[in-house]
């Protein structure tokens, strides 16, 4: 049976979002967003869309009205898909529906946050949707939440900016840039040096905060969740290094434009591609 999508507008339609939050993040009652609150926000500029397998909701996206750069926008607070339904483009389709709704209301910017160490999320956001990022929040939700997924490494987040009518976004959404991983490696100086231990885990060694080139590469672990399970201390070193590097280069005029993935035999190496803002910000996102 094909997956179907439906905008959520009533309390009854929004109620399953609470169960999905529990199933995916294992939130306790304190961290779960009540369907009643979601309903109020949806009636006053927010947006919620559900994905369904038959009558069962298997994913949803939820955004709230926001102001960003002094202009009306939307902040996408949650995107959730049950684990057994992932890697089927469901999250991507939910975001596309969110974009279409925003454009119908003359909103051209949607923001959300994502974990800077989760390469899979970064690939969806940067490469498949076309967001950019130039802002870093340390422990946005505190050092820990009630979710086991948020234990051990804090809740540092990058702010994604999805400029819905920028040439970059239209180019990607029109399907002309789907094979991002097959593109030649980005040319740029590497900010950090890494090495592998006897288990094959990637270890951050040193970084250079003096670079001024137009394009810079920041390597991150390909699978931070696996690394957390095998060696939490190395994972924490990654958090510290990536935090320091991104805050520094964001503050000196760089933004993340996309994620580059290189393959060396059976090893994947993953890099944020940082570019310098050489012209006014609004022009950059429109051109």
C-alpha atoms as a PDB file:
ATOM      1  CA  UNK A   1       0.000   0.000   0.000  1.00  0.00           C
ATOM      2  CA  UNK A   2       1.489   3.404  -0.965  1.00  0.00           C
ATOM      3  CA  UNK A   3       2.329   5.981   1.670  1.00  0.00           C
ATOM      4  CA  UNK A   4      -0.172   8.850   1.697  1.00  0.00           C
ATOM      5  CA  UNK A   5       0.113  12.371   3.080  1.00  0.00           C
ATOM      6  CA  UNK A   6      -2.480  14.570   4.762  1.00  0.00           C
ATOM      7  CA  UNK A   7      -2.400  17.983   6.408  1.00  0.00           C
ATOM      8  CA  UNK A   8      -3.332  17.756  10.092  1.00  0.00           C
ATOM      9  CA  UNK A   9      -5.904  20.338  11.153  1.00  0.00           C
ATOM     10  CA  UNK A  10      -7.977  18.893  14.000  1.00  0.00           C
ATOM     11  CA  UNK A  11      -7.229  17.665  17.495  1.00  0.00           C
ATOM     12  CA  UNK A  12      -8.122  14.108  16.470  1.00  0.00           C
ATOM     13  CA  UNK A  13      -5.773  14.266  13.492  1.00  0.00           C
ATOM     14  CA  UNK A  14      -2.909  15.674  15.595  1.00  0.00           C
ATOM     15  CA  UNK A  15      -3.280  13.234  18.510  1.00  0.00           C
ATOM     16  CA  UNK A  16      -1.128  10.454  16.906  1.00  0.00           C
ATOM     17  CA  UNK A  17       1.819  12.892  16.834  1.00  0.00           C
ATOM     18  CA  UNK A  18       2.158  12.408  20.600  1.00  0.00           C
ATOM     19  CA  UNK A  19       2.537   8.629  20.213  1.00  0.00           C
ATOM     20  CA  UNK A  20       5.094   9.072  17.445  1.00  0.00           C
ATOM     21  CA  UNK A  21       7.174  11.383  19.619  1.00  0.00           C
ATOM     22  CA  UNK A  22       7.238   8.680  22.287  1.00  0.00           C
ATOM     23  CA  UNK A  23       8.020   5.904  19.795  1.00  0.00           C
ATOM     24  CA  UNK A  24      10.849   7.757  18.044  1.00  0.00           C
ATOM     25  CA  UNK A  25      12.487   9.850  20.784  1.00  0.00           C
ATOM     26  CA  UNK A  26      11.128   8.038  23.862  1.00  0.00           C
ATOM     27  CA  UNK A  27      10.245  11.396  25.380  1.00  0.00           C
ATOM     28  CA  UNK A  28       8.618  11.588  28.775  1.00  0.00           C
ATOM     29  CA  UNK A  29       5.572  13.779  29.320  1.00  0.00           C
ATOM     30  CA  UNK A  30       7.673  16.863  30.029  1.00  0.00           C
ATOM     31  CA  UNK A  31       9.289  16.894  26.570  1.00  0.00           C
ATOM     32  CA  UNK A  32       6.322  15.673  24.503  1.00  0.00           C
ATOM     33  CA  UNK A  33       4.495  18.462  22.669  1.00  0.00           C
ATOM     34  CA  UNK A  34       0.756  18.065  23.356  1.00  0.00           C
ATOM     35  CA  UNK A  35      -1.603  17.829  20.411  1.00  0.00           C
ATOM     36  CA  UNK A  36      -3.695  20.640  21.945  1.00  0.00           C
ATOM     37  CA  UNK A  37      -0.740  23.016  21.739  1.00  0.00           C
ATOM     38  CA  UNK A  38       0.027  21.891  18.188  1.00  0.00           C
ATOM     39  CA  UNK A  39      -3.576  22.637  17.235  1.00  0.00           C
ATOM     40  CA  UNK A  40      -3.387  26.206  18.549  1.00  0.00           C
ATOM     41  CA  UNK A  41      -0.205  26.873  16.588  1.00  0.00           C
ATOM     42  CA  UNK A  42      -1.592  25.325  13.402  1.00  0.00           C
ATOM     43  CA  UNK A  43      -4.614  27.607  13.640  1.00  0.00           C
ATOM     44  CA  UNK A  44      -2.352  30.657  13.921  1.00  0.00           C
ATOM     45  CA  UNK A  45       0.265  30.293  11.209  1.00  0.00           C
ATOM     46  CA  UNK A  46       1.783  26.875  11.951  1.00  0.00           C
ATOM     47  CA  UNK A  47       1.705  23.745   9.818  1.00  0.00           C
ATOM     48  CA  UNK A  48       1.452  19.991  10.389  1.00  0.00           C
ATOM     49  CA  UNK A  49       1.455  17.199   7.812  1.00  0.00           C
ATOM     50  CA  UNK A  50       1.205  13.485   8.490  1.00  0.00           C
ATOM     51  CA  UNK A  51       2.469  10.490   6.498  1.00  0.00           C
ATOM     52  CA  UNK A  52       0.292   7.370   6.617  1.00  0.00           C
ATOM     53  CA  UNK A  53       0.547   3.686   5.853  1.00  0.00           C
ATOM     54  CA  UNK A  54      -3.136   2.926   5.533  1.00  0.00           C
ATOM     55  CA  UNK A  55      -4.761   4.460   8.603  1.00  0.00           C
ATOM     56  CA  UNK A  56      -1.552   4.427  10.674  1.00  0.00           C
ATOM     57  CA  UNK A  57       0.479   7.608  10.965  1.00  0.00           C
ATOM     58  CA  UNK A  58       4.136   6.729  10.418  1.00  0.00           C
ATOM     59  CA  UNK A  59       5.626  10.214  10.266  1.00  0.00           C
ATOM     60  CA  UNK A  60       4.880  13.914  10.561  1.00  0.00           C
ATOM     61  CA  UNK A  61       6.350  17.387  10.190  1.00  0.00           C
ATOM     62  CA  UNK A  62       5.356  20.265  12.467  1.00  0.00           C
ATOM     63  CA  UNK A  63       6.251  23.933  12.037  1.00  0.00           C
ATOM     64  CA  UNK A  64       5.449  27.045  14.038  1.00  0.00           C
ATOM     65  CA  UNK A  65       5.118  30.694  12.980  1.00  0.00           C
ATOM     66  CA  UNK A  66       8.354  32.633  13.386  1.00  0.00           C
ATOM     67  CA  UNK A  67      10.236  35.834  12.652  1.00  0.00           C
ATOM     68  CA  UNK A  68      13.700  35.528  11.159  1.00  0.00           C
ATOM     69  CA  UNK A  69      15.861  38.396   9.851  1.00  0.00           C
ATOM     70  CA  UNK A  70      12.901  40.613  10.726  1.00  0.00           C
ATOM     71  CA  UNK A  71      10.596  38.862   8.249  1.00  0.00           C
ATOM     72  CA  UNK A  72       7.720  36.372   8.629  1.00  0.00           C
ATOM     73  CA  UNK A  73       8.980  32.818   8.392  1.00  0.00           C
ATOM     74  CA  UNK A  74       8.282  29.375   9.770  1.00  0.00           C
ATOM     75  CA  UNK A  75      10.346  27.302  12.180  1.00  0.00           C
ATOM     76  CA  UNK A  76      10.071  23.573  11.560  1.00  0.00           C
ATOM     77  CA  UNK A  77      10.252  22.195  15.075  1.00  0.00           C
ATOM     78  CA  UNK A  78       9.807  18.468  14.414  1.00  0.00           C
ATOM     79  CA  UNK A  79      10.296  16.007  11.567  1.00  0.00           C
ATOM     80  CA  UNK A  80       9.631  12.418  12.620  1.00  0.00           C
ATOM     81  CA  UNK A  81       9.534   9.103  10.743  1.00  0.00           C
ATOM     82  CA  UNK A  82       9.300   5.682  12.359  1.00  0.00           C
ATOM     83  CA  UNK A  83      12.613   3.777  12.036  1.00  0.00           C
ATOM     84  CA  UNK A  84      11.122   0.962   9.952  1.00  0.00           C
ATOM     85  CA  UNK A  85       9.909   3.494   7.356  1.00  0.00           C
ATOM     86  CA  UNK A  86      13.133   5.445   6.936  1.00  0.00           C
ATOM     87  CA  UNK A  87      15.213   5.600   3.731  1.00  0.00           C
ATOM     88  CA  UNK A  88      12.018   5.773   1.675  1.00  0.00           C
ATOM     89  CA  UNK A  89      12.092   9.559   1.052  1.00  0.00           C
ATOM     90  CA  UNK A  90       9.179  10.076   3.458  1.00  0.00           C
ATOM     91  CA  UNK A  91      10.920  12.835   5.418  1.00  0.00           C
ATOM     92  CA  UNK A  92      11.877  14.512   2.136  1.00  0.00           C
ATOM     93  CA  UNK A  93       8.267  14.433   0.896  1.00  0.00           C
ATOM     94  CA  UNK A  94       6.993  15.870   4.172  1.00  0.00           C
ATOM     95  CA  UNK A  95       9.422  18.778   3.820  1.00  0.00           C
ATOM     96  CA  UNK A  96       8.372  19.368   0.208  1.00  0.00           C
ATOM     97  CA  UNK A  97       4.729  19.550   1.333  1.00  0.00           C
ATOM     98  CA  UNK A  98       5.775  22.034   4.010  1.00  0.00           C
ATOM     99  CA  UNK A  99       7.533  24.149   1.383  1.00  0.00           C
ATOM    100  CA  UNK A 100       4.491  24.158  -0.908  1.00  0.00           C
ATOM    101  CA  UNK A 101       2.221  25.270   1.919  1.00  0.00           C
ATOM    102  CA  UNK A 102       4.618  28.033   2.973  1.00  0.00           C
ATOM    103  CA  UNK A 103       4.895  29.370  -0.572  1.00  0.00           C
ATOM    104  CA  UNK A 104       1.104  29.414  -0.883  1.00  0.00           C
ATOM    105  CA  UNK A 105       1.123  31.845   2.076  1.00  0.00           C
ATOM    106  CA  UNK A 106       3.985  33.995   0.718  1.00  0.00           C
ATOM    107  CA  UNK A 107       6.512  32.602   3.211  1.00  0.00           C
ATOM    108  CA  UNK A 108       9.902  32.097   1.586  1.00  0.00           C
ATOM    109  CA  UNK A 109      12.022  31.031   4.569  1.00  0.00           C
ATOM    110  CA  UNK A 110      11.745  27.940   6.787  1.00  0.00           C
ATOM    111  CA  UNK A 111      14.291  27.271   9.519  1.00  0.00           C
ATOM    112  CA  UNK A 112      15.010  24.277  11.733  1.00  0.00           C
ATOM    113  CA  UNK A 113      17.874  22.854  13.748  1.00  0.00           C
ATOM    114  CA  UNK A 114      19.868  19.653  13.357  1.00  0.00           C
ATOM    115  CA  UNK A 115      22.691  17.878  15.150  1.00  0.00           C
ATOM    116  CA  UNK A 116      26.010  18.905  13.513  1.00  0.00           C
ATOM    117  CA  UNK A 117      27.417  15.388  14.009  1.00  0.00           C
ATOM    118  CA  UNK A 118      24.574  13.476  12.328  1.00  0.00           C
ATOM    119  CA  UNK A 119      25.778  13.132   8.744  1.00  0.00           C
ATOM    120  CA  UNK A 120      22.588  11.455   7.517  1.00  0.00           C
ATOM    121  CA  UNK A 121      20.452  14.409   8.616  1.00  0.00           C
ATOM    122  CA  UNK A 122      23.015  16.814   7.184  1.00  0.00           C
ATOM    123  CA  UNK A 123      22.812  15.049   3.808  1.00  0.00           C
ATOM    124  CA  UNK A 124      19.019  15.383   3.705  1.00  0.00           C
ATOM    125  CA  UNK A 125      19.078  19.012   4.757  1.00  0.00           C
ATOM    126  CA  UNK A 126      22.030  20.314   2.760  1.00  0.00           C
ATOM    127  CA  UNK A 127      22.130  18.120  -0.318  1.00  0.00           C
ATOM    128  CA  UNK A 128      18.545  17.015  -0.935  1.00  0.00           C
ATOM    129  CA  UNK A 129      16.689  20.114   0.297  1.00  0.00           C
ATOM    130  CA  UNK A 130      19.284  22.816  -0.305  1.00  0.00           C
ATOM    131  CA  UNK A 131      19.490  24.510   3.094  1.00  0.00           C
ATOM    132  CA  UNK A 132      22.459  26.571   4.185  1.00  0.00           C
ATOM    133  CA  UNK A 133      23.720  27.075   7.749  1.00  0.00           C
ATOM    134  CA  UNK A 134      25.692  29.829   9.453  1.00  0.00           C
ATOM    135  CA  UNK A 135      24.572  29.713  13.091  1.00  0.00           C
ATOM    136  CA  UNK A 136      25.523  27.355  15.934  1.00  0.00           C
ATOM    137  CA  UNK A 137      23.717  26.832  19.251  1.00  0.00           C
ATOM    138  CA  UNK A 138      25.447  25.140  22.195  1.00  0.00           C
ATOM    139  CA  UNK A 139      23.081  22.853  24.151  1.00  0.00           C
ATOM    140  CA  UNK A 140      19.950  24.311  22.590  1.00  0.00           C
ATOM    141  CA  UNK A 141      17.768  21.938  24.650  1.00  0.00           C
ATOM    142  CA  UNK A 142      20.143  21.556  27.589  1.00  0.00           C
ATOM    143  CA  UNK A 143      22.895  19.018  28.198  1.00  0.00           C
ATOM    144  CA  UNK A 144      20.322  16.203  28.140  1.00  0.00           C
ATOM    145  CA  UNK A 145      16.622  15.635  27.455  1.00  0.00           C
ATOM    146  CA  UNK A 146      14.409  12.704  28.388  1.00  0.00           C
ATOM    147  CA  UNK A 147      15.323  11.009  25.090  1.00  0.00           C
ATOM    148  CA  UNK A 148      18.119   8.437  25.067  1.00  0.00           C
ATOM    149  CA  UNK A 149      19.081   9.818  21.653  1.00  0.00           C
ATOM    150  CA  UNK A 150      20.118  13.064  23.362  1.00  0.00           C
ATOM    151  CA  UNK A 151      22.381  11.512  25.993  1.00  0.00           C
ATOM    152  CA  UNK A 152      26.153  11.683  26.108  1.00  0.00           C
ATOM    153  CA  UNK A 153      26.872  14.524  23.665  1.00  0.00           C
ATOM    154  CA  UNK A 154      24.590  17.355  24.723  1.00  0.00           C
ATOM    155  CA  UNK A 155      22.215  19.023  22.296  1.00  0.00           C
ATOM    156  CA  UNK A 156      24.384  21.295  20.147  1.00  0.00           C
ATOM    157  CA  UNK A 157      22.518  22.315  16.995  1.00  0.00           C
ATOM    158  CA  UNK A 158      23.103  24.037  13.658  1.00  0.00           C
ATOM    159  CA  UNK A 159      20.355  26.328  12.398  1.00  0.00           C
ATOM    160  CA  UNK A 160      19.272  25.343   8.890  1.00  0.00           C
ATOM    161  CA  UNK A 161      17.955  28.130   6.666  1.00  0.00           C
ATOM    162  CA  UNK A 162      15.776  26.938   3.790  1.00  0.00           C
ATOM    163  CA  UNK A 163      15.364  29.830   1.374  1.00  0.00           C
ATOM    164  CA  UNK A 164      12.472  28.411  -0.601  1.00  0.00           C
ATOM    165  CA  UNK A 165      12.780  30.400  -3.815  1.00  0.00           C
ATOM    166  CA  UNK A 166      16.568  30.684  -4.008  1.00  0.00           C
ATOM    167  CA  UNK A 167      18.144  29.401  -7.206  1.00  0.00           C
ATOM    168  CA  UNK A 168      19.962  26.717  -5.215  1.00  0.00           C
ATOM    169  CA  UNK A 169      16.768  25.294  -3.714  1.00  0.00           C
ATOM    170  CA  UNK A 170      14.822  25.433  -6.982  1.00  0.00           C
ATOM    171  CA  UNK A 171      17.697  23.731  -8.798  1.00  0.00           C
ATOM    172  CA  UNK A 172      17.797  20.882  -6.282  1.00  0.00           C
ATOM    173  CA  UNK A 173      14.031  20.439  -5.857  1.00  0.00           C
ATOM    174  CA  UNK A 174      13.550  20.357  -9.630  1.00  0.00           C
ATOM    175  CA  UNK A 175      15.577  17.139  -9.596  1.00  0.00           C
ATOM    176  CA  UNK A 176      18.701  18.362 -11.319  1.00  0.00           C
ATOM    177  CA  UNK A 177      21.046  17.714  -8.371  1.00  0.00           C
ATOM    178  CA  UNK A 178      20.011  14.361  -6.933  1.00  0.00           C
ATOM    179  CA  UNK A 179      23.353  12.579  -7.380  1.00  0.00           C
ATOM    180  CA  UNK A 180      25.269  14.767  -4.954  1.00  0.00           C
ATOM    181  CA  UNK A 181      27.498  11.994  -3.641  1.00  0.00           C
ATOM    182  CA  UNK A 182      28.741  11.186  -7.165  1.00  0.00           C
ATOM    183  CA  UNK A 183      30.042  14.676  -7.789  1.00  0.00           C
ATOM    184  CA  UNK A 184      33.833  15.190  -7.767  1.00  0.00           C
ATOM    185  CA  UNK A 185      35.214  15.985  -4.310  1.00  0.00           C
ATOM    186  CA  UNK A 186      34.946  19.629  -3.383  1.00  0.00           C
ATOM    187  CA  UNK A 187      38.196  21.533  -3.681  1.00  0.00           C
ATOM    188  CA  UNK A 188      39.167  23.307  -0.503  1.00  0.00           C
ATOM    189  CA  UNK A 189      41.611  23.317   2.368  1.00  0.00           C
ATOM    190  CA  UNK A 190      40.880  20.848   5.165  1.00  0.00           C
ATOM    191  CA  UNK A 191      40.309  22.519   8.505  1.00  0.00           C
ATOM    192  CA  UNK A 192      40.940  19.457  10.649  1.00  0.00           C
ATOM    193  CA  UNK A 193      43.299  16.505  10.561  1.00  0.00           C
ATOM    194  CA  UNK A 194      42.104  13.030  11.531  1.00  0.00           C
ATOM    195  CA  UNK A 195      43.476   9.519  12.030  1.00  0.00           C
ATOM    196  CA  UNK A 196      42.042   6.074  12.767  1.00  0.00           C
ATOM    197  CA  UNK A 197      42.569   3.934  15.842  1.00  0.00           C
ATOM    198  CA  UNK A 198      42.953   0.148  15.976  1.00  0.00           C
ATOM    199  CA  UNK A 199      39.141  -0.249  15.776  1.00  0.00           C
ATOM    200  CA  UNK A 200      39.004   1.890  12.678  1.00  0.00           C
ATOM    201  CA  UNK A 201      37.302   4.761  14.504  1.00  0.00           C
ATOM    202  CA  UNK A 202      37.997   8.218  13.129  1.00  0.00           C
ATOM    203  CA  UNK A 203      39.761  10.395  15.706  1.00  0.00           C
ATOM    204  CA  UNK A 204      39.954  14.208  15.546  1.00  0.00           C
ATOM    205  CA  UNK A 205      43.608  15.217  15.931  1.00  0.00           C
ATOM    206  CA  UNK A 206      44.054  18.924  15.316  1.00  0.00           C
ATOM    207  CA  UNK A 207      42.375  21.842  13.604  1.00  0.00           C
ATOM    208  CA  UNK A 208      43.439  25.109  11.996  1.00  0.00           C
ATOM    209  CA  UNK A 209      41.464  28.228  12.879  1.00  0.00           C
ATOM    210  CA  UNK A 210      43.646  30.581  10.811  1.00  0.00           C
ATOM    211  CA  UNK A 211      42.443  29.673   7.308  1.00  0.00           C
ATOM    212  CA  UNK A 212      40.981  32.352   5.033  1.00  0.00           C
ATOM    213  CA  UNK A 213      40.397  30.475   1.767  1.00  0.00           C
ATOM    214  CA  UNK A 214      37.042  30.815   0.014  1.00  0.00           C
ATOM    215  CA  UNK A 215      36.276  27.089   0.396  1.00  0.00           C
ATOM    216  CA  UNK A 216      37.092  24.995   3.479  1.00  0.00           C
ATOM    217  CA  UNK A 217      36.396  21.354   4.372  1.00  0.00           C
ATOM    218  CA  UNK A 218      35.445  20.141   7.839  1.00  0.00           C
ATOM    219  CA  UNK A 219      35.491  16.372   8.285  1.00  0.00           C
ATOM    220  CA  UNK A 220      32.884  14.821  10.598  1.00  0.00           C
ATOM    221  CA  UNK A 221      32.274  11.173  11.552  1.00  0.00           C
ATOM    222  CA  UNK A 222      30.186   9.240   9.050  1.00  0.00           C
ATOM    223  CA  UNK A 223      28.255   7.465  11.845  1.00  0.00           C
ATOM    224  CA  UNK A 224      28.361   9.260  15.197  1.00  0.00           C
ATOM    225  CA  UNK A 225      25.760   6.929  16.756  1.00  0.00           C
ATOM    226  CA  UNK A 226      27.969   3.903  16.132  1.00  0.00           C
ATOM    227  CA  UNK A 227      30.927   5.829  17.521  1.00  0.00           C
ATOM    228  CA  UNK A 228      28.972   6.712  20.688  1.00  0.00           C
ATOM    229  CA  UNK A 229      28.308   3.012  21.252  1.00  0.00           C
ATOM    230  CA  UNK A 230      31.945   2.003  20.695  1.00  0.00           C
ATOM    231  CA  UNK A 231      33.818   4.900  22.333  1.00  0.00           C
ATOM    232  CA  UNK A 232      31.931   7.792  23.910  1.00  0.00           C
ATOM    233  CA  UNK A 233      35.170   9.611  24.733  1.00  0.00           C
ATOM    234  CA  UNK A 234      36.133   9.901  21.059  1.00  0.00           C
ATOM    235  CA  UNK A 235      32.586  11.024  20.258  1.00  0.00           C
ATOM    236  CA  UNK A 236      32.916  13.773  22.868  1.00  0.00           C
ATOM    237  CA  UNK A 237      36.190  14.899  21.320  1.00  0.00           C
ATOM    238  CA  UNK A 238      34.347  15.234  18.027  1.00  0.00           C
ATOM    239  CA  UNK A 239      31.676  17.375  19.634  1.00  0.00           C
ATOM    240  CA  UNK A 240      34.305  19.683  21.123  1.00  0.00           C
ATOM    241  CA  UNK A 241      36.263  20.048  17.884  1.00  0.00           C
ATOM    242  CA  UNK A 242      33.282  20.571  15.586  1.00  0.00           C
ATOM    243  CA  UNK A 243      31.772  23.057  18.028  1.00  0.00           C
ATOM    244  CA  UNK A 244      34.976  25.096  18.173  1.00  0.00           C
ATOM    245  CA  UNK A 245      35.521  25.046  14.398  1.00  0.00           C
ATOM    246  CA  UNK A 246      31.998  25.941  13.331  1.00  0.00           C
ATOM    247  CA  UNK A 247      31.533  28.713  15.863  1.00  0.00           C
ATOM    248  CA  UNK A 248      34.849  30.248  14.801  1.00  0.00           C
ATOM    249  CA  UNK A 249      34.260  30.074  11.052  1.00  0.00           C
ATOM    250  CA  UNK A 250      30.612  31.123  11.272  1.00  0.00           C
ATOM    251  CA  UNK A 251      31.755  34.172  13.241  1.00  0.00           C
ATOM    252  CA  UNK A 252      34.366  35.000  10.588  1.00  0.00           C
ATOM    253  CA  UNK A 253      31.928  34.998   7.671  1.00  0.00           C
ATOM    254  CA  UNK A 254      31.577  31.401   6.482  1.00  0.00           C
ATOM    255  CA  UNK A 255      28.476  29.275   5.977  1.00  0.00           C
ATOM    256  CA  UNK A 256      27.908  25.569   5.278  1.00  0.00           C
ATOM    257  CA  UNK A 257      26.772  25.103   1.697  1.00  0.00           C
ATOM    258  CA  UNK A 258      26.652  21.328   1.319  1.00  0.00           C
ATOM    259  CA  UNK A 259      27.949  17.970   2.539  1.00  0.00           C
ATOM    260  CA  UNK A 260      30.573  16.118   0.531  1.00  0.00           C
ATOM    261  CA  UNK A 261      30.949  12.330   0.777  1.00  0.00           C
ATOM    262  CA  UNK A 262      34.068  10.570  -0.482  1.00  0.00           C
ATOM    263  CA  UNK A 263      34.573   6.814  -0.692  1.00  0.00           C
ATOM    264  CA  UNK A 264      37.922   5.155  -0.114  1.00  0.00           C
ATOM    265  CA  UNK A 265      37.303   1.440  -0.747  1.00  0.00           C
ATOM    266  CA  UNK A 266      34.892   0.473   2.063  1.00  0.00           C
ATOM    267  CA  UNK A 267      35.377   3.718   4.009  1.00  0.00           C
ATOM    268  CA  UNK A 268      33.172   6.795   3.682  1.00  0.00           C
ATOM    269  CA  UNK A 269      34.641  10.177   4.550  1.00  0.00           C
ATOM    270  CA  UNK A 270      32.202  13.009   5.156  1.00  0.00           C
ATOM    271  CA  UNK A 271      32.955  16.734   4.948  1.00  0.00           C
ATOM    272  CA  UNK A 272      31.017  19.910   5.518  1.00  0.00           C
ATOM    273  CA  UNK A 273      31.851  22.337   2.714  1.00  0.00           C
ATOM    274  CA  UNK A 274      32.184  25.854   4.122  1.00  0.00           C
ATOM    275  CA  UNK A 275      32.186  28.822   1.798  1.00  0.00           C
ATOM    276  CA  UNK A 276      32.909  32.452   2.455  1.00  0.00           C
ATOM    277  CA  UNK A 277      30.130  35.007   2.104  1.00  0.00           C
ATOM    278  CA  UNK A 278      31.673  37.337  -0.467  1.00  0.00           C
ATOM    279  CA  UNK A 279      28.545  39.414  -1.103  1.00  0.00           C
ATOM    280  CA  UNK A 280      25.523  40.604   0.885  1.00  0.00           C
ATOM    281  CA  UNK A 281      23.691  37.739   2.487  1.00  0.00           C
ATOM    282  CA  UNK A 282      20.296  38.268   0.817  1.00  0.00           C
ATOM    283  CA  UNK A 283      21.953  38.447  -2.584  1.00  0.00           C
ATOM    284  CA  UNK A 284      23.826  35.222  -1.920  1.00  0.00           C
ATOM    285  CA  UNK A 285      20.679  33.267  -1.186  1.00  0.00           C
ATOM    286  CA  UNK A 286      18.791  34.682  -4.150  1.00  0.00           C
ATOM    287  CA  UNK A 287      21.443  34.377  -6.871  1.00  0.00           C
END
